[in-house]
């Protein structure tokens, strides 16, 4: 079975083949800008504790990360350029 890192790398390779060069240039520029702002250095790293937060669930009810963690592991996904009220899902 492929690791998550391998799957992401393959996804990125396929994406590069499908996107127009203008879009890739915009992505590259925004990544450069984020790095220039020091986002990488201030981001949470692997193994670090994630701060508690609240998000709305599918019923527009505020759910705290600490409450989701009572049921087990949680995946937090961030979608570039979009807002998703349902992005905190307990697994």
PDB file of N, CA and C in Angstrom:
ATOM      1  N   UNK A   1       0.844  -1.184   0.000  1.00  0.00           N
ATOM      2  CA  UNK A   1       0.000   0.000   0.000  1.00  0.00           C
ATOM      3  C   UNK A   1       0.884   1.239   0.000  1.00  0.00           C
ATOM      4  N   UNK A   2       0.506   2.222  -0.799  1.00  0.00           N
ATOM      5  CA  UNK A   2       1.271   3.459  -0.892  1.00  0.00           C
ATOM      6  C   UNK A   2       1.034   4.316   0.348  1.00  0.00           C
ATOM      7  N   UNK A   3       2.094   5.007   0.745  1.00  0.00           N
ATOM      8  CA  UNK A   3       1.962   5.913   1.880  1.00  0.00           C
ATOM      9  C   UNK A   3       1.171   7.146   1.437  1.00  0.00           C
ATOM     10  N   UNK A   4       0.686   7.878   2.398  1.00  0.00           N
ATOM     11  CA  UNK A   4      -0.052   9.101   2.105  1.00  0.00           C
ATOM     12  C   UNK A   4       0.840  10.066   1.330  1.00  0.00           C
ATOM     13  N   UNK A   5       2.099  10.143   1.714  1.00  0.00           N
ATOM     14  CA  UNK A   5       3.033  11.040   1.027  1.00  0.00           C
ATOM     15  C   UNK A   5       3.175  10.651  -0.446  1.00  0.00           C
ATOM     16  N   UNK A   6       3.277   9.353  -0.728  1.00  0.00           N
ATOM     17  CA  UNK A   6       3.375   8.891  -2.111  1.00  0.00           C
ATOM     18  C   UNK A   6       2.102   9.226  -2.885  1.00  0.00           C
ATOM     19  N   UNK A   7       0.958   9.035  -2.262  1.00  0.00           N
ATOM     20  CA  UNK A   7      -0.313   9.341  -2.918  1.00  0.00           C
ATOM     21  C   UNK A   7      -0.433  10.832  -3.232  1.00  0.00           C
ATOM     22  N   UNK A   8      -0.009  11.678  -2.303  1.00  0.00           N
ATOM     23  CA  UNK A   8      -0.062  13.125  -2.520  1.00  0.00           C
ATOM     24  C   UNK A   8       0.886  13.525  -3.640  1.00  0.00           C
ATOM     25  N   UNK A   9       2.091  12.940  -3.647  1.00  0.00           N
ATOM     26  CA  UNK A   9       3.046  13.245  -4.716  1.00  0.00           C
ATOM     27  C   UNK A   9       2.497  12.854  -6.082  1.00  0.00           C
ATOM     28  N   UNK A  10       1.860  11.703  -6.172  1.00  0.00           N
ATOM     29  CA  UNK A  10       1.259  11.273  -7.434  1.00  0.00           C
ATOM     30  C   UNK A  10       0.124  12.201  -7.851  1.00  0.00           C
ATOM     31  N   UNK A  11      -0.682  12.597  -6.887  1.00  0.00           N
ATOM     32  CA  UNK A  11      -1.772  13.531  -7.167  1.00  0.00           C
ATOM     33  C   UNK A  11      -1.228  14.843  -7.722  1.00  0.00           C
ATOM     34  N   UNK A  12      -0.174  15.355  -7.083  1.00  0.00           N
ATOM     35  CA  UNK A  12       0.432  16.602  -7.549  1.00  0.00           C
ATOM     36  C   UNK A  12       1.025  16.456  -8.943  1.00  0.00           C
ATOM     37  N   UNK A  13       1.674  15.326  -9.220  1.00  0.00           N
ATOM     38  CA  UNK A  13       2.247  15.091 -10.543  1.00  0.00           C
ATOM     39  C   UNK A  13       1.154  15.060 -11.605  1.00  0.00           C
ATOM     40  N   UNK A  14       0.052  14.399 -11.320  1.00  0.00           N
ATOM     41  CA  UNK A  14      -1.063  14.341 -12.269  1.00  0.00           C
ATOM     42  C   UNK A  14      -1.720  15.705 -12.441  1.00  0.00           C
ATOM     43  N   UNK A  15      -1.817  16.455 -11.362  1.00  0.00           N
ATOM     44  CA  UNK A  15      -2.410  17.780 -11.417  1.00  0.00           C
ATOM     45  C   UNK A  15      -1.593  18.703 -12.316  1.00  0.00           C
ATOM     46  N   UNK A  16      -0.274  18.631 -12.195  1.00  0.00           N
ATOM     47  CA  UNK A  16       0.612  19.465 -13.006  1.00  0.00           C
ATOM     48  C   UNK A  16       0.402  19.187 -14.492  1.00  0.00           C
ATOM     49  N   UNK A  17       0.136  17.948 -14.839  1.00  0.00           N
ATOM     50  CA  UNK A  17      -0.078  17.575 -16.234  1.00  0.00           C
ATOM     51  C   UNK A  17      -1.401  18.118 -16.779  1.00  0.00           C
ATOM     52  N   UNK A  18      -2.356  18.368 -15.891  1.00  0.00           N
ATOM     53  CA  UNK A  18      -3.695  18.749 -16.321  1.00  0.00           C
ATOM     54  C   UNK A  18      -3.969  20.254 -16.273  1.00  0.00           C
ATOM     55  N   UNK A  19      -3.231  20.973 -15.455  1.00  0.00           N
ATOM     56  CA  UNK A  19      -3.522  22.400 -15.276  1.00  0.00           C
ATOM     57  C   UNK A  19      -2.800  23.260 -16.305  1.00  0.00           C
ATOM     58  N   UNK A  20      -3.442  24.336 -16.737  1.00  0.00           N
ATOM     59  CA  UNK A  20      -2.772  25.278 -17.639  1.00  0.00           C
ATOM     60  C   UNK A  20      -1.566  25.915 -16.940  1.00  0.00           C
ATOM     61  N   UNK A  21      -0.570  26.290 -17.718  1.00  0.00           N
ATOM     62  CA  UNK A  21       0.648  26.867 -17.144  1.00  0.00           C
ATOM     63  C   UNK A  21       0.356  28.145 -16.354  1.00  0.00           C
ATOM     64  N   UNK A  22      -0.674  28.904 -16.762  1.00  0.00           N
ATOM     65  CA  UNK A  22      -1.025  30.130 -16.041  1.00  0.00           C
ATOM     66  C   UNK A  22      -1.472  29.821 -14.612  1.00  0.00           C
ATOM     67  N   UNK A  23      -2.247  28.756 -14.463  1.00  0.00           N
ATOM     68  CA  UNK A  23      -2.725  28.357 -13.138  1.00  0.00           C
ATOM     69  C   UNK A  23      -1.559  27.886 -12.275  1.00  0.00           C
ATOM     70  N   UNK A  24      -0.674  27.099 -12.862  1.00  0.00           N
ATOM     71  CA  UNK A  24       0.505  26.629 -12.122  1.00  0.00           C
ATOM     72  C   UNK A  24       1.372  27.805 -11.679  1.00  0.00           C
ATOM     73  N   UNK A  25       1.484  28.818 -12.534  1.00  0.00           N
ATOM     74  CA  UNK A  25       2.270  30.003 -12.183  1.00  0.00           C
ATOM     75  C   UNK A  25       1.638  30.736 -11.005  1.00  0.00           C
ATOM     76  N   UNK A  26       0.308  30.841 -10.998  1.00  0.00           N
ATOM     77  CA  UNK A  26      -0.398  31.500  -9.888  1.00  0.00           C
ATOM     78  C   UNK A  26      -0.201  30.711  -8.596  1.00  0.00           C
ATOM     79  N   UNK A  27      -0.329  29.372  -8.678  1.00  0.00           N
ATOM     80  CA  UNK A  27      -0.082  28.541  -7.497  1.00  0.00           C
ATOM     81  C   UNK A  27       1.334  28.758  -6.978  1.00  0.00           C
ATOM     82  N   UNK A  28       2.297  28.731  -7.900  1.00  0.00           N
ATOM     83  CA  UNK A  28       3.699  28.914  -7.511  1.00  0.00           C
ATOM     84  C   UNK A  28       3.933  30.255  -6.850  1.00  0.00           C
ATOM     85  N   UNK A  29       3.325  31.310  -7.389  1.00  0.00           N
ATOM     86  CA  UNK A  29       3.467  32.656  -6.820  1.00  0.00           C
ATOM     87  C   UNK A  29       2.861  32.720  -5.422  1.00  0.00           C
ATOM     88  N   UNK A  30       1.698  32.117  -5.235  1.00  0.00           N
ATOM     89  CA  UNK A  30       1.073  32.185  -3.910  1.00  0.00           C
ATOM     90  C   UNK A  30       1.872  31.371  -2.885  1.00  0.00           C
ATOM     91  N   UNK A  31       2.453  30.268  -3.319  1.00  0.00           N
ATOM     92  CA  UNK A  31       3.323  29.490  -2.410  1.00  0.00           C
ATOM     93  C   UNK A  31       4.543  30.325  -2.025  1.00  0.00           C
ATOM     94  N   UNK A  32       5.126  31.001  -3.008  1.00  0.00           N
ATOM     95  CA  UNK A  32       6.281  31.876  -2.743  1.00  0.00           C
ATOM     96  C   UNK A  32       5.900  32.967  -1.736  1.00  0.00           C
ATOM     97  N   UNK A  33       4.726  33.577  -1.918  1.00  0.00           N
ATOM     98  CA  UNK A  33       4.278  34.639  -1.010  1.00  0.00           C
ATOM     99  C   UNK A  33       4.062  34.113   0.407  1.00  0.00           C
ATOM    100  N   UNK A  34       3.475  32.926   0.525  1.00  0.00           N
ATOM    101  CA  UNK A  34       3.265  32.344   1.853  1.00  0.00           C
ATOM    102  C   UNK A  34       4.592  32.063   2.545  1.00  0.00           C
ATOM    103  N   UNK A  35       5.547  31.534   1.788  1.00  0.00           N
ATOM    104  CA  UNK A  35       6.875  31.272   2.361  1.00  0.00           C
ATOM    105  C   UNK A  35       7.541  32.569   2.790  1.00  0.00           C
ATOM    106  N   UNK A  36       7.404  33.623   1.972  1.00  0.00           N
ATOM    107  CA  UNK A  36       7.991  34.920   2.302  1.00  0.00           C
ATOM    108  C   UNK A  36       7.390  35.500   3.579  1.00  0.00           C
ATOM    109  N   UNK A  37       6.138  35.170   3.849  1.00  0.00           N
ATOM    110  CA  UNK A  37       5.463  35.647   5.059  1.00  0.00           C
ATOM    111  C   UNK A  37       5.827  34.814   6.287  1.00  0.00           C
ATOM    112  N   UNK A  38       6.594  33.735   6.106  1.00  0.00           N
ATOM    113  CA  UNK A  38       7.007  32.899   7.227  1.00  0.00           C
ATOM    114  C   UNK A  38       5.949  31.920   7.691  1.00  0.00           C
ATOM    115  N   UNK A  39       5.008  31.594   6.825  1.00  0.00           N
ATOM    116  CA  UNK A  39       3.921  30.694   7.206  1.00  0.00           C
ATOM    117  C   UNK A  39       4.458  29.321   7.616  1.00  0.00           C
ATOM    118  N   UNK A  40       5.454  28.820   6.898  1.00  0.00           N
ATOM    119  CA  UNK A  40       6.001  27.497   7.229  1.00  0.00           C
ATOM    120  C   UNK A  40       6.550  27.447   8.649  1.00  0.00           C
ATOM    121  N   UNK A  41       7.288  28.488   9.017  1.00  0.00           N
ATOM    122  CA  UNK A  41       7.919  28.502  10.339  1.00  0.00           C
ATOM    123  C   UNK A  41       6.906  28.617  11.476  1.00  0.00           C
ATOM    124  N   UNK A  42       5.772  29.259  11.194  1.00  0.00           N
ATOM    125  CA  UNK A  42       4.779  29.444  12.253  1.00  0.00           C
ATOM    126  C   UNK A  42       3.679  28.383  12.231  1.00  0.00           C
ATOM    127  N   UNK A  43       3.759  27.447  11.295  1.00  0.00           N
ATOM    128  CA  UNK A  43       2.747  26.393  11.200  1.00  0.00           C
ATOM    129  C   UNK A  43       3.016  25.277  12.191  1.00  0.00           C
ATOM    130  N   UNK A  44       1.984  24.549  12.496  1.00  0.00           N
ATOM    131  CA  UNK A  44       2.099  23.406  13.389  1.00  0.00           C
ATOM    132  C   UNK A  44       2.809  22.279  12.648  1.00  0.00           C
ATOM    133  N   UNK A  45       3.766  21.666  13.304  1.00  0.00           N
ATOM    134  CA  UNK A  45       4.528  20.588  12.682  1.00  0.00           C
ATOM    135  C   UNK A  45       4.020  19.218  13.088  1.00  0.00           C
ATOM    136  N   UNK A  46       4.511  18.227  12.379  1.00  0.00           N
ATOM    137  CA  UNK A  46       4.148  16.850  12.684  1.00  0.00           C
ATOM    138  C   UNK A  46       4.489  16.529  14.138  1.00  0.00           C
ATOM    139  N   UNK A  47       3.524  15.967  14.840  1.00  0.00           N
ATOM    140  CA  UNK A  47       3.736  15.577  16.228  1.00  0.00           C
ATOM    141  C   UNK A  47       3.436  16.669  17.237  1.00  0.00           C
ATOM    142  N   UNK A  48       3.216  17.897  16.781  1.00  0.00           N
ATOM    143  CA  UNK A  48       2.891  18.982  17.699  1.00  0.00           C
ATOM    144  C   UNK A  48       1.399  18.963  18.030  1.00  0.00           C
ATOM    145  N   UNK A  49       1.066  19.472  19.194  1.00  0.00           N
ATOM    146  CA  UNK A  49      -0.328  19.513  19.627  1.00  0.00           C
ATOM    147  C   UNK A  49      -1.081  20.614  18.880  1.00  0.00           C
ATOM    148  N   UNK A  50      -2.230  20.245  18.338  1.00  0.00           N
ATOM    149  CA  UNK A  50      -3.083  21.187  17.617  1.00  0.00           C
ATOM    150  C   UNK A  50      -3.908  21.958  18.629  1.00  0.00           C
ATOM    151  N   UNK A  51      -4.010  23.279  18.503  1.00  0.00           N
ATOM    152  CA  UNK A  51      -4.819  24.040  19.458  1.00  0.00           C
ATOM    153  C   UNK A  51      -6.306  23.736  19.282  1.00  0.00           C
ATOM    154  N   UNK A  52      -7.057  23.834  20.352  1.00  0.00           N
ATOM    155  CA  UNK A  52      -8.495  23.598  20.267  1.00  0.00           C
ATOM    156  C   UNK A  52      -9.138  24.694  19.437  1.00  0.00           C
ATOM    157  N   UNK A  53     -10.181  24.346  18.726  1.00  0.00           N
ATOM    158  CA  UNK A  53     -10.929  25.299  17.927  1.00  0.00           C
ATOM    159  C   UNK A  53     -12.359  24.811  17.785  1.00  0.00           C
ATOM    160  N   UNK A  54     -13.231  25.672  17.319  1.00  0.00           N
ATOM    161  CA  UNK A  54     -14.630  25.330  17.062  1.00  0.00           C
ATOM    162  C   UNK A  54     -14.931  25.538  15.581  1.00  0.00           C
ATOM    163  N   UNK A  55     -15.676  24.610  14.999  1.00  0.00           N
ATOM    164  CA  UNK A  55     -16.184  24.729  13.631  1.00  0.00           C
ATOM    165  C   UNK A  55     -17.638  24.324  13.630  1.00  0.00           C
ATOM    166  N   UNK A  56     -18.346  24.753  12.609  1.00  0.00           N
ATOM    167  CA  UNK A  56     -19.740  24.342  12.479  1.00  0.00           C
ATOM    168  C   UNK A  56     -19.821  22.968  11.842  1.00  0.00           C
ATOM    169  N   UNK A  57     -20.728  22.116  12.360  1.00  0.00           N
ATOM    170  CA  UNK A  57     -20.942  20.813  11.734  1.00  0.00           C
ATOM    171  C   UNK A  57     -22.009  20.951  10.641  1.00  0.00           C
ATOM    172  N   UNK A  58     -22.452  19.834  10.088  1.00  0.00           N
ATOM    173  CA  UNK A  58     -23.420  19.869   8.995  1.00  0.00           C
ATOM    174  C   UNK A  58     -24.779  20.413   9.410  1.00  0.00           C
ATOM    175  N   UNK A  59     -25.026  20.489  10.708  1.00  0.00           N
ATOM    176  CA  UNK A  59     -26.285  21.044  11.222  1.00  0.00           C
ATOM    177  C   UNK A  59     -26.101  22.464  11.751  1.00  0.00           C
ATOM    178  N   UNK A  60     -24.993  23.089  11.381  1.00  0.00           N
ATOM    179  CA  UNK A  60     -24.648  24.453  11.810  1.00  0.00           C
ATOM    180  C   UNK A  60     -24.488  24.568  13.324  1.00  0.00           C
ATOM    181  N   UNK A  61     -24.130  23.462  13.965  1.00  0.00           N
ATOM    182  CA  UNK A  61     -23.865  23.462  15.409  1.00  0.00           C
ATOM    183  C   UNK A  61     -22.355  23.540  15.623  1.00  0.00           C
ATOM    184  N   UNK A  62     -21.917  24.428  16.522  1.00  0.00           N
ATOM    185  CA  UNK A  62     -20.495  24.567  16.817  1.00  0.00           C
ATOM    186  C   UNK A  62     -19.989  23.317  17.530  1.00  0.00           C
ATOM    187  N   UNK A  63     -18.910  22.757  16.999  1.00  0.00           N
ATOM    188  CA  UNK A  63     -18.290  21.565  17.576  1.00  0.00           C
ATOM    189  C   UNK A  63     -16.832  21.889  17.874  1.00  0.00           C
ATOM    190  N   UNK A  64     -16.399  21.576  19.084  1.00  0.00           N
ATOM    191  CA  UNK A  64     -15.018  21.820  19.491  1.00  0.00           C
ATOM    192  C   UNK A  64     -14.149  20.611  19.147  1.00  0.00           C
ATOM    193  N   UNK A  65     -12.917  20.889  18.764  1.00  0.00           N
ATOM    194  CA  UNK A  65     -11.974  19.813  18.474  1.00  0.00           C
ATOM    195  C   UNK A  65     -11.866  18.858  19.654  1.00  0.00           C
ATOM    196  N   UNK A  66     -11.811  19.397  20.862  1.00  0.00           N
ATOM    197  CA  UNK A  66     -11.657  18.536  22.033  1.00  0.00           C
ATOM    198  C   UNK A  66     -12.830  17.564  22.176  1.00  0.00           C
ATOM    199  N   UNK A  67     -14.018  17.972  21.725  1.00  0.00           N
ATOM    200  CA  UNK A  67     -15.176  17.082  21.781  1.00  0.00           C
ATOM    201  C   UNK A  67     -15.044  15.966  20.739  1.00  0.00           C
ATOM    202  N   UNK A  68     -14.582  16.312  19.544  1.00  0.00           N
ATOM    203  CA  UNK A  68     -14.383  15.295  18.503  1.00  0.00           C
ATOM    204  C   UNK A  68     -13.336  14.270  18.936  1.00  0.00           C
ATOM    205  N   UNK A  69     -12.296  14.748  19.600  1.00  0.00           N
ATOM    206  CA  UNK A  69     -11.207  13.854  20.015  1.00  0.00           C
ATOM    207  C   UNK A  69     -11.651  12.828  21.061  1.00  0.00           C
ATOM    208  N   UNK A  70     -12.745  13.077  21.734  1.00  0.00           N
ATOM    209  CA  UNK A  70     -13.263  12.110  22.705  1.00  0.00           C
ATOM    210  C   UNK A  70     -13.689  10.815  22.008  1.00  0.00           C
ATOM    211  N   UNK A  71     -14.023  10.911  20.701  1.00  0.00           N
ATOM    212  CA  UNK A  71     -14.452   9.745  19.929  1.00  0.00           C
ATOM    213  C   UNK A  71     -13.312   9.083  19.164  1.00  0.00           C
ATOM    214  N   UNK A  72     -12.118   9.641  19.230  1.00  0.00           N
ATOM    215  CA  UNK A  72     -10.988   9.066  18.513  1.00  0.00           C
ATOM    216  C   UNK A  72     -10.243  10.118  17.708  1.00  0.00           C
ATOM    217  N   UNK A  73      -9.517   9.655  16.700  1.00  0.00           N
ATOM    218  CA  UNK A  73      -8.694  10.535  15.872  1.00  0.00           C
ATOM    219  C   UNK A  73      -9.561  11.467  15.026  1.00  0.00           C
ATOM    220  N   UNK A  74      -8.963  12.603  14.648  1.00  0.00           N
ATOM    221  CA  UNK A  74      -9.649  13.609  13.845  1.00  0.00           C
ATOM    222  C   UNK A  74      -8.744  14.025  12.696  1.00  0.00           C
ATOM    223  N   UNK A  75      -9.333  14.174  11.527  1.00  0.00           N
ATOM    224  CA  UNK A  75      -8.612  14.713  10.376  1.00  0.00           C
ATOM    225  C   UNK A  75      -9.077  16.145  10.180  1.00  0.00           C
ATOM    226  N   UNK A  76      -8.123  17.057  10.046  1.00  0.00           N
ATOM    227  CA  UNK A  76      -8.437  18.454   9.781  1.00  0.00           C
ATOM    228  C   UNK A  76      -7.944  18.744   8.369  1.00  0.00           C
ATOM    229  N   UNK A  77      -8.844  19.153   7.494  1.00  0.00           N
ATOM    230  CA  UNK A  77      -8.491  19.433   6.100  1.00  0.00           C
ATOM    231  C   UNK A  77      -8.738  20.894   5.787  1.00  0.00           C
ATOM    232  N   UNK A  78      -7.787  21.498   5.114  1.00  0.00           N
ATOM    233  CA  UNK A  78      -7.920  22.879   4.677  1.00  0.00           C
ATOM    234  C   UNK A  78      -7.961  22.872   3.154  1.00  0.00           C
ATOM    235  N   UNK A  79      -8.947  23.536   2.597  1.00  0.00           N
ATOM    236  CA  UNK A  79      -9.112  23.578   1.158  1.00  0.00           C
ATOM    237  C   UNK A  79      -8.732  24.958   0.648  1.00  0.00           C
ATOM    238  N   UNK A  80      -7.731  24.997  -0.159  1.00  0.00           N
ATOM    239  CA  UNK A  80      -7.214  26.246  -0.699  1.00  0.00           C
ATOM    240  C   UNK A  80      -8.290  26.988  -1.496  1.00  0.00           C
ATOM    241  N   UNK A  81      -8.476  28.248  -1.151  1.00  0.00           N
ATOM    242  CA  UNK A  81      -9.364  29.099  -1.919  1.00  0.00           C
ATOM    243  C   UNK A  81     -10.841  28.831  -1.736  1.00  0.00           C
ATOM    244  N   UNK A  82     -11.199  28.085  -0.711  1.00  0.00           N
ATOM    245  CA  UNK A  82     -12.615  27.835  -0.494  1.00  0.00           C
ATOM    246  C   UNK A  82     -12.912  27.871   0.994  1.00  0.00           C
ATOM    247  N   UNK A  83     -14.179  28.007   1.300  1.00  0.00           N
ATOM    248  CA  UNK A  83     -14.619  27.950   2.678  1.00  0.00           C
ATOM    249  C   UNK A  83     -15.526  26.755   2.812  1.00  0.00           C
ATOM    250  N   UNK A  84     -15.273  25.922   3.783  1.00  0.00           N
ATOM    251  CA  UNK A  84     -16.059  24.705   3.951  1.00  0.00           C
ATOM    252  C   UNK A  84     -16.495  24.595   5.405  1.00  0.00           C
ATOM    253  N   UNK A  85     -17.790  24.729   5.693  1.00  0.00           N
ATOM    254  CA  UNK A  85     -18.247  24.661   7.083  1.00  0.00           C
ATOM    255  C   UNK A  85     -18.229  23.239   7.646  1.00  0.00           C
ATOM    256  N   UNK A  86     -17.947  22.253   6.821  1.00  0.00           N
ATOM    257  CA  UNK A  86     -18.017  20.858   7.256  1.00  0.00           C
ATOM    258  C   UNK A  86     -16.660  20.168   7.249  1.00  0.00           C
ATOM    259  N   UNK A  87     -15.587  20.924   7.399  1.00  0.00           N
ATOM    260  CA  UNK A  87     -14.250  20.367   7.213  1.00  0.00           C
ATOM    261  C   UNK A  87     -13.705  19.607   8.419  1.00  0.00           C
ATOM    262  N   UNK A  88     -14.285  19.730   9.581  1.00  0.00           N
ATOM    263  CA  UNK A  88     -13.806  18.988  10.743  1.00  0.00           C
ATOM    264  C   UNK A  88     -14.674  17.747  10.894  1.00  0.00           C
ATOM    265  N   UNK A  89     -14.083  16.612  10.630  1.00  0.00           N
ATOM    266  CA  UNK A  89     -14.844  15.354  10.656  1.00  0.00           C
ATOM    267  C   UNK A  89     -14.099  14.370  11.539  1.00  0.00           C
ATOM    268  N   UNK A  90     -14.741  13.835  12.532  1.00  0.00           N
ATOM    269  CA  UNK A  90     -14.128  12.814  13.373  1.00  0.00           C
ATOM    270  C   UNK A  90     -14.084  11.488  12.660  1.00  0.00           C
ATOM    271  N   UNK A  91     -13.003  10.735  12.876  1.00  0.00           N
ATOM    272  CA  UNK A  91     -12.912   9.402  12.277  1.00  0.00           C
ATOM    273  C   UNK A  91     -12.777   8.361  13.357  1.00  0.00           C
TER     274      UNK A  91
END
